[in-house]
């Protein structure tokens, strides 16, 4: 917003009586911002959210295991969406929804993640836990900084995995 305001002020000074020059001067900036907006919110996040919500329902698998209270969806480099649900156990052998979705992706022959969304019990996006961040980082290595994580679906707040996984040990 500040950058756009600065451009408009400069152009107003440069072209005080030339509306075409003023409009042409901000054309590139507007097109760049539009391209960024379209690339981030092209409907894929909505497809991922819906896919994750479709598999999200609580199930009791045994007296000691339940699943499905949290779900996740990820988008791969090939454009495929894989989903997973959390598996909660009485011991520490459970699995987060994100890692379950990653296992689904790997089972189907892919290994490059572009986007991830995890959905909590209330339907809101939640950040991946530390173990899931670590797993994605080890899987992506040099590319982990570019994996997009949806933090707030309602407001479309997205961060890069690298921004929430600082000082990685490699």
C-alpha atoms as a PDB file:
ATOM      1  CA  UNK A   1       0.000   0.000   0.000  1.00  0.00           C
ATOM      2  CA  UNK A   2       2.789   2.422   0.934  1.00  0.00           C
ATOM      3  CA  UNK A   3       4.707   1.634  -2.241  1.00  0.00           C
ATOM      4  CA  UNK A   4       1.606   2.250  -4.374  1.00  0.00           C
ATOM      5  CA  UNK A   5       0.931   5.542  -2.585  1.00  0.00           C
ATOM      6  CA  UNK A   6       4.533   6.629  -3.185  1.00  0.00           C
ATOM      7  CA  UNK A   7       4.275   5.800  -6.906  1.00  0.00           C
ATOM      8  CA  UNK A   8       1.011   7.727  -7.224  1.00  0.00           C
ATOM      9  CA  UNK A   9       2.459  10.818  -5.498  1.00  0.00           C
ATOM     10  CA  UNK A  10       5.549  10.772  -7.722  1.00  0.00           C
ATOM     11  CA  UNK A  11       3.429  10.354 -10.854  1.00  0.00           C
ATOM     12  CA  UNK A  12       1.046  13.141  -9.818  1.00  0.00           C
ATOM     13  CA  UNK A  13       4.042  15.480  -9.528  1.00  0.00           C
ATOM     14  CA  UNK A  14       5.546  14.268 -12.811  1.00  0.00           C
ATOM     15  CA  UNK A  15       2.265  14.343 -14.791  1.00  0.00           C
ATOM     16  CA  UNK A  16       0.057  16.996 -13.156  1.00  0.00           C
ATOM     17  CA  UNK A  17      -1.972  17.579 -16.344  1.00  0.00           C
ATOM     18  CA  UNK A  18      -1.424  14.277 -18.182  1.00  0.00           C
ATOM     19  CA  UNK A  19      -3.820  11.574 -16.972  1.00  0.00           C
ATOM     20  CA  UNK A  20      -2.546   9.113 -19.596  1.00  0.00           C
ATOM     21  CA  UNK A  21       1.059   9.525 -18.413  1.00  0.00           C
ATOM     22  CA  UNK A  22      -0.091   9.144 -14.799  1.00  0.00           C
ATOM     23  CA  UNK A  23      -2.020   5.926 -15.578  1.00  0.00           C
ATOM     24  CA  UNK A  24       0.752   4.508 -17.759  1.00  0.00           C
ATOM     25  CA  UNK A  25       3.247   5.174 -14.974  1.00  0.00           C
ATOM     26  CA  UNK A  26       1.466   2.937 -12.493  1.00  0.00           C
ATOM     27  CA  UNK A  27       0.518   0.228 -15.015  1.00  0.00           C
ATOM     28  CA  UNK A  28       3.491  -2.075 -14.343  1.00  0.00           C
ATOM     29  CA  UNK A  29       3.083  -1.901 -10.565  1.00  0.00           C
ATOM     30  CA  UNK A  30      -0.640  -2.674 -10.753  1.00  0.00           C
ATOM     31  CA  UNK A  31      -0.057  -5.602 -13.121  1.00  0.00           C
ATOM     32  CA  UNK A  32       2.682  -7.044 -10.858  1.00  0.00           C
ATOM     33  CA  UNK A  33       0.429  -6.837  -7.780  1.00  0.00           C
ATOM     34  CA  UNK A  34      -2.439  -8.403  -9.704  1.00  0.00           C
ATOM     35  CA  UNK A  35      -0.205 -11.271 -10.830  1.00  0.00           C
ATOM     36  CA  UNK A  36       0.929 -11.921  -7.258  1.00  0.00           C
ATOM     37  CA  UNK A  37      -2.649 -11.872  -5.977  1.00  0.00           C
ATOM     38  CA  UNK A  38      -3.892 -14.222  -8.675  1.00  0.00           C
ATOM     39  CA  UNK A  39      -1.004 -16.648  -8.184  1.00  0.00           C
ATOM     40  CA  UNK A  40      -1.637 -16.875  -4.451  1.00  0.00           C
ATOM     41  CA  UNK A  41      -5.402 -17.102  -4.553  1.00  0.00           C
ATOM     42  CA  UNK A  42      -6.284 -18.944  -7.713  1.00  0.00           C
ATOM     43  CA  UNK A  43      -8.925 -21.155  -6.137  1.00  0.00           C
ATOM     44  CA  UNK A  44      -6.437 -23.870  -5.227  1.00  0.00           C
ATOM     45  CA  UNK A  45      -6.563 -22.959  -1.525  1.00  0.00           C
ATOM     46  CA  UNK A  46     -10.346 -23.334  -1.647  1.00  0.00           C
ATOM     47  CA  UNK A  47     -10.043 -26.751  -3.306  1.00  0.00           C
ATOM     48  CA  UNK A  48      -7.517 -27.813  -0.677  1.00  0.00           C
ATOM     49  CA  UNK A  49      -9.686 -26.569   2.184  1.00  0.00           C
ATOM     50  CA  UNK A  50     -12.740 -28.422   0.855  1.00  0.00           C
ATOM     51  CA  UNK A  51     -10.720 -31.612   0.297  1.00  0.00           C
ATOM     52  CA  UNK A  52      -9.416 -31.496   3.871  1.00  0.00           C
ATOM     53  CA  UNK A  53     -12.870 -30.811   5.332  1.00  0.00           C
ATOM     54  CA  UNK A  54     -14.360 -33.754   3.424  1.00  0.00           C
ATOM     55  CA  UNK A  55     -12.161 -36.240   5.295  1.00  0.00           C
ATOM     56  CA  UNK A  56     -12.357 -34.460   8.646  1.00  0.00           C
ATOM     57  CA  UNK A  57     -14.662 -36.265  11.028  1.00  0.00           C
ATOM     58  CA  UNK A  58     -13.935 -37.969  14.313  1.00  0.00           C
ATOM     59  CA  UNK A  59     -13.699 -41.748  14.231  1.00  0.00           C
ATOM     60  CA  UNK A  60     -12.935 -44.169  17.036  1.00  0.00           C
ATOM     61  CA  UNK A  61     -10.749 -46.910  15.622  1.00  0.00           C
ATOM     62  CA  UNK A  62     -10.288 -48.744  18.918  1.00  0.00           C
ATOM     63  CA  UNK A  63     -10.556 -47.896  22.611  1.00  0.00           C
ATOM     64  CA  UNK A  64      -7.027 -46.449  22.335  1.00  0.00           C
ATOM     65  CA  UNK A  65      -7.007 -44.828  18.876  1.00  0.00           C
ATOM     66  CA  UNK A  66      -9.107 -42.089  17.308  1.00  0.00           C
ATOM     67  CA  UNK A  67      -8.648 -40.234  14.065  1.00  0.00           C
ATOM     68  CA  UNK A  68      -9.968 -37.377  11.995  1.00  0.00           C
ATOM     69  CA  UNK A  69     -10.310 -34.448  14.383  1.00  0.00           C
ATOM     70  CA  UNK A  70      -7.642 -32.560  12.427  1.00  0.00           C
ATOM     71  CA  UNK A  71      -7.239 -32.831   8.663  1.00  0.00           C
ATOM     72  CA  UNK A  72      -4.761 -31.501   6.131  1.00  0.00           C
ATOM     73  CA  UNK A  73      -4.363 -31.102   2.403  1.00  0.00           C
ATOM     74  CA  UNK A  74      -1.263 -30.428   0.379  1.00  0.00           C
ATOM     75  CA  UNK A  75      -0.702 -29.401  -3.210  1.00  0.00           C
ATOM     76  CA  UNK A  76       2.162 -30.953  -5.147  1.00  0.00           C
ATOM     77  CA  UNK A  77       4.346 -29.632  -7.909  1.00  0.00           C
ATOM     78  CA  UNK A  78       2.268 -31.706 -10.358  1.00  0.00           C
ATOM     79  CA  UNK A  79      -0.941 -30.002  -9.188  1.00  0.00           C
ATOM     80  CA  UNK A  80      -2.334 -32.945  -7.238  1.00  0.00           C
ATOM     81  CA  UNK A  81      -4.003 -32.555  -3.846  1.00  0.00           C
ATOM     82  CA  UNK A  82      -3.388 -35.168  -1.161  1.00  0.00           C
ATOM     83  CA  UNK A  83      -5.219 -35.288   2.155  1.00  0.00           C
ATOM     84  CA  UNK A  84      -4.630 -36.837   5.537  1.00  0.00           C
ATOM     85  CA  UNK A  85      -6.147 -36.916   9.004  1.00  0.00           C
ATOM     86  CA  UNK A  86      -4.541 -37.016  12.406  1.00  0.00           C
ATOM     87  CA  UNK A  87      -4.332 -40.379  14.125  1.00  0.00           C
ATOM     88  CA  UNK A  88      -4.267 -39.991  17.905  1.00  0.00           C
ATOM     89  CA  UNK A  89      -3.105 -42.910  20.016  1.00  0.00           C
ATOM     90  CA  UNK A  90      -2.816 -43.618  23.724  1.00  0.00           C
ATOM     91  CA  UNK A  91       0.950 -43.879  23.225  1.00  0.00           C
ATOM     92  CA  UNK A  92       3.199 -41.609  21.151  1.00  0.00           C
ATOM     93  CA  UNK A  93       2.816 -43.542  17.905  1.00  0.00           C
ATOM     94  CA  UNK A  94       0.152 -41.337  16.349  1.00  0.00           C
ATOM     95  CA  UNK A  95       0.490 -39.228  13.236  1.00  0.00           C
ATOM     96  CA  UNK A  96      -0.371 -35.625  12.459  1.00  0.00           C
ATOM     97  CA  UNK A  97      -2.694 -34.883   9.555  1.00  0.00           C
ATOM     98  CA  UNK A  98       0.053 -33.133   7.610  1.00  0.00           C
ATOM     99  CA  UNK A  99       2.434 -36.090   7.846  1.00  0.00           C
ATOM    100  CA  UNK A 100      -0.410 -38.396   6.887  1.00  0.00           C
ATOM    101  CA  UNK A 101      -1.057 -36.277   3.759  1.00  0.00           C
ATOM    102  CA  UNK A 102       2.677 -36.345   2.981  1.00  0.00           C
ATOM    103  CA  UNK A 103       2.679 -40.137   3.342  1.00  0.00           C
ATOM    104  CA  UNK A 104      -0.283 -40.264   0.940  1.00  0.00           C
ATOM    105  CA  UNK A 105       1.665 -38.111  -1.541  1.00  0.00           C
ATOM    106  CA  UNK A 106       4.774 -40.288  -1.267  1.00  0.00           C
ATOM    107  CA  UNK A 107       2.695 -43.462  -1.597  1.00  0.00           C
ATOM    108  CA  UNK A 108       1.387 -42.060  -4.886  1.00  0.00           C
ATOM    109  CA  UNK A 109       4.874 -41.394  -6.261  1.00  0.00           C
ATOM    110  CA  UNK A 110       5.340 -37.684  -5.587  1.00  0.00           C
ATOM    111  CA  UNK A 111       7.636 -35.796  -3.232  1.00  0.00           C
ATOM    112  CA  UNK A 112       7.474 -32.057  -3.987  1.00  0.00           C
ATOM    113  CA  UNK A 113       5.099 -29.971  -1.871  1.00  0.00           C
ATOM    114  CA  UNK A 114       3.988 -26.495  -2.930  1.00  0.00           C
ATOM    115  CA  UNK A 115       1.222 -25.680  -0.436  1.00  0.00           C
ATOM    116  CA  UNK A 116      -0.122 -27.043   2.852  1.00  0.00           C
ATOM    117  CA  UNK A 117      -3.237 -26.341   4.880  1.00  0.00           C
ATOM    118  CA  UNK A 118      -4.135 -28.012   8.174  1.00  0.00           C
ATOM    119  CA  UNK A 119      -7.652 -27.672   9.576  1.00  0.00           C
ATOM    120  CA  UNK A 120      -8.422 -27.777  13.296  1.00  0.00           C
ATOM    121  CA  UNK A 121     -11.591 -29.062  14.938  1.00  0.00           C
ATOM    122  CA  UNK A 122     -13.326 -25.693  14.601  1.00  0.00           C
ATOM    123  CA  UNK A 123     -12.727 -25.498  10.841  1.00  0.00           C
ATOM    124  CA  UNK A 124      -9.963 -22.902  11.082  1.00  0.00           C
ATOM    125  CA  UNK A 125      -6.550 -23.272   9.519  1.00  0.00           C
ATOM    126  CA  UNK A 126      -3.817 -24.098  12.023  1.00  0.00           C
ATOM    127  CA  UNK A 127      -0.034 -24.032  11.620  1.00  0.00           C
ATOM    128  CA  UNK A 128       1.842 -27.312  11.290  1.00  0.00           C
ATOM    129  CA  UNK A 129       3.474 -28.560  14.481  1.00  0.00           C
ATOM    130  CA  UNK A 130       7.253 -28.580  14.856  1.00  0.00           C
ATOM    131  CA  UNK A 131       7.550 -32.242  13.853  1.00  0.00           C
ATOM    132  CA  UNK A 132       5.603 -31.629  10.623  1.00  0.00           C
ATOM    133  CA  UNK A 133       7.672 -28.535   9.839  1.00  0.00           C
ATOM    134  CA  UNK A 134      10.840 -30.552  10.363  1.00  0.00           C
ATOM    135  CA  UNK A 135       9.562 -33.397   8.151  1.00  0.00           C
ATOM    136  CA  UNK A 136       8.627 -30.996   5.325  1.00  0.00           C
ATOM    137  CA  UNK A 137      11.974 -29.227   5.646  1.00  0.00           C
ATOM    138  CA  UNK A 138      13.926 -32.470   5.416  1.00  0.00           C
ATOM    139  CA  UNK A 139      11.828 -33.559   2.440  1.00  0.00           C
ATOM    140  CA  UNK A 140      12.257 -30.280   0.553  1.00  0.00           C
ATOM    141  CA  UNK A 141      15.814 -29.316   1.661  1.00  0.00           C
ATOM    142  CA  UNK A 142      16.804 -26.364  -0.597  1.00  0.00           C
ATOM    143  CA  UNK A 143      13.173 -25.647  -1.545  1.00  0.00           C
ATOM    144  CA  UNK A 144      11.588 -25.634   1.904  1.00  0.00           C
ATOM    145  CA  UNK A 145      11.621 -21.827   2.043  1.00  0.00           C
ATOM    146  CA  UNK A 146       9.142 -21.718  -0.845  1.00  0.00           C
ATOM    147  CA  UNK A 147       6.496 -24.103   0.533  1.00  0.00           C
ATOM    148  CA  UNK A 148       3.389 -22.027   1.271  1.00  0.00           C
ATOM    149  CA  UNK A 149       1.544 -22.603   4.539  1.00  0.00           C
ATOM    150  CA  UNK A 150      -2.008 -21.299   5.048  1.00  0.00           C
ATOM    151  CA  UNK A 151      -2.227 -19.832   8.546  1.00  0.00           C
ATOM    152  CA  UNK A 152      -5.586 -18.081   8.316  1.00  0.00           C
ATOM    153  CA  UNK A 153      -7.992 -19.390   5.686  1.00  0.00           C
ATOM    154  CA  UNK A 154     -10.692 -16.798   6.314  1.00  0.00           C
ATOM    155  CA  UNK A 155      -8.280 -13.896   5.770  1.00  0.00           C
ATOM    156  CA  UNK A 156      -6.074 -15.809   3.301  1.00  0.00           C
ATOM    157  CA  UNK A 157      -2.915 -15.315   5.368  1.00  0.00           C
ATOM    158  CA  UNK A 158      -0.115 -17.392   3.873  1.00  0.00           C
ATOM    159  CA  UNK A 159       3.489 -17.698   5.015  1.00  0.00           C
ATOM    160  CA  UNK A 160       6.470 -19.583   3.692  1.00  0.00           C
ATOM    161  CA  UNK A 161       7.607 -22.660   5.608  1.00  0.00           C
ATOM    162  CA  UNK A 162      11.038 -21.030   5.848  1.00  0.00           C
ATOM    163  CA  UNK A 163       9.500 -18.086   7.709  1.00  0.00           C
ATOM    164  CA  UNK A 164       8.112 -20.314  10.453  1.00  0.00           C
ATOM    165  CA  UNK A 165      11.017 -22.785  10.503  1.00  0.00           C
ATOM    166  CA  UNK A 166      13.987 -20.612  11.338  1.00  0.00           C
ATOM    167  CA  UNK A 167      17.587 -21.628  11.938  1.00  0.00           C
ATOM    168  CA  UNK A 168      17.255 -25.078  10.465  1.00  0.00           C
ATOM    169  CA  UNK A 169      20.204 -27.312  11.274  1.00  0.00           C
ATOM    170  CA  UNK A 170      21.543 -28.124   7.798  1.00  0.00           C
END
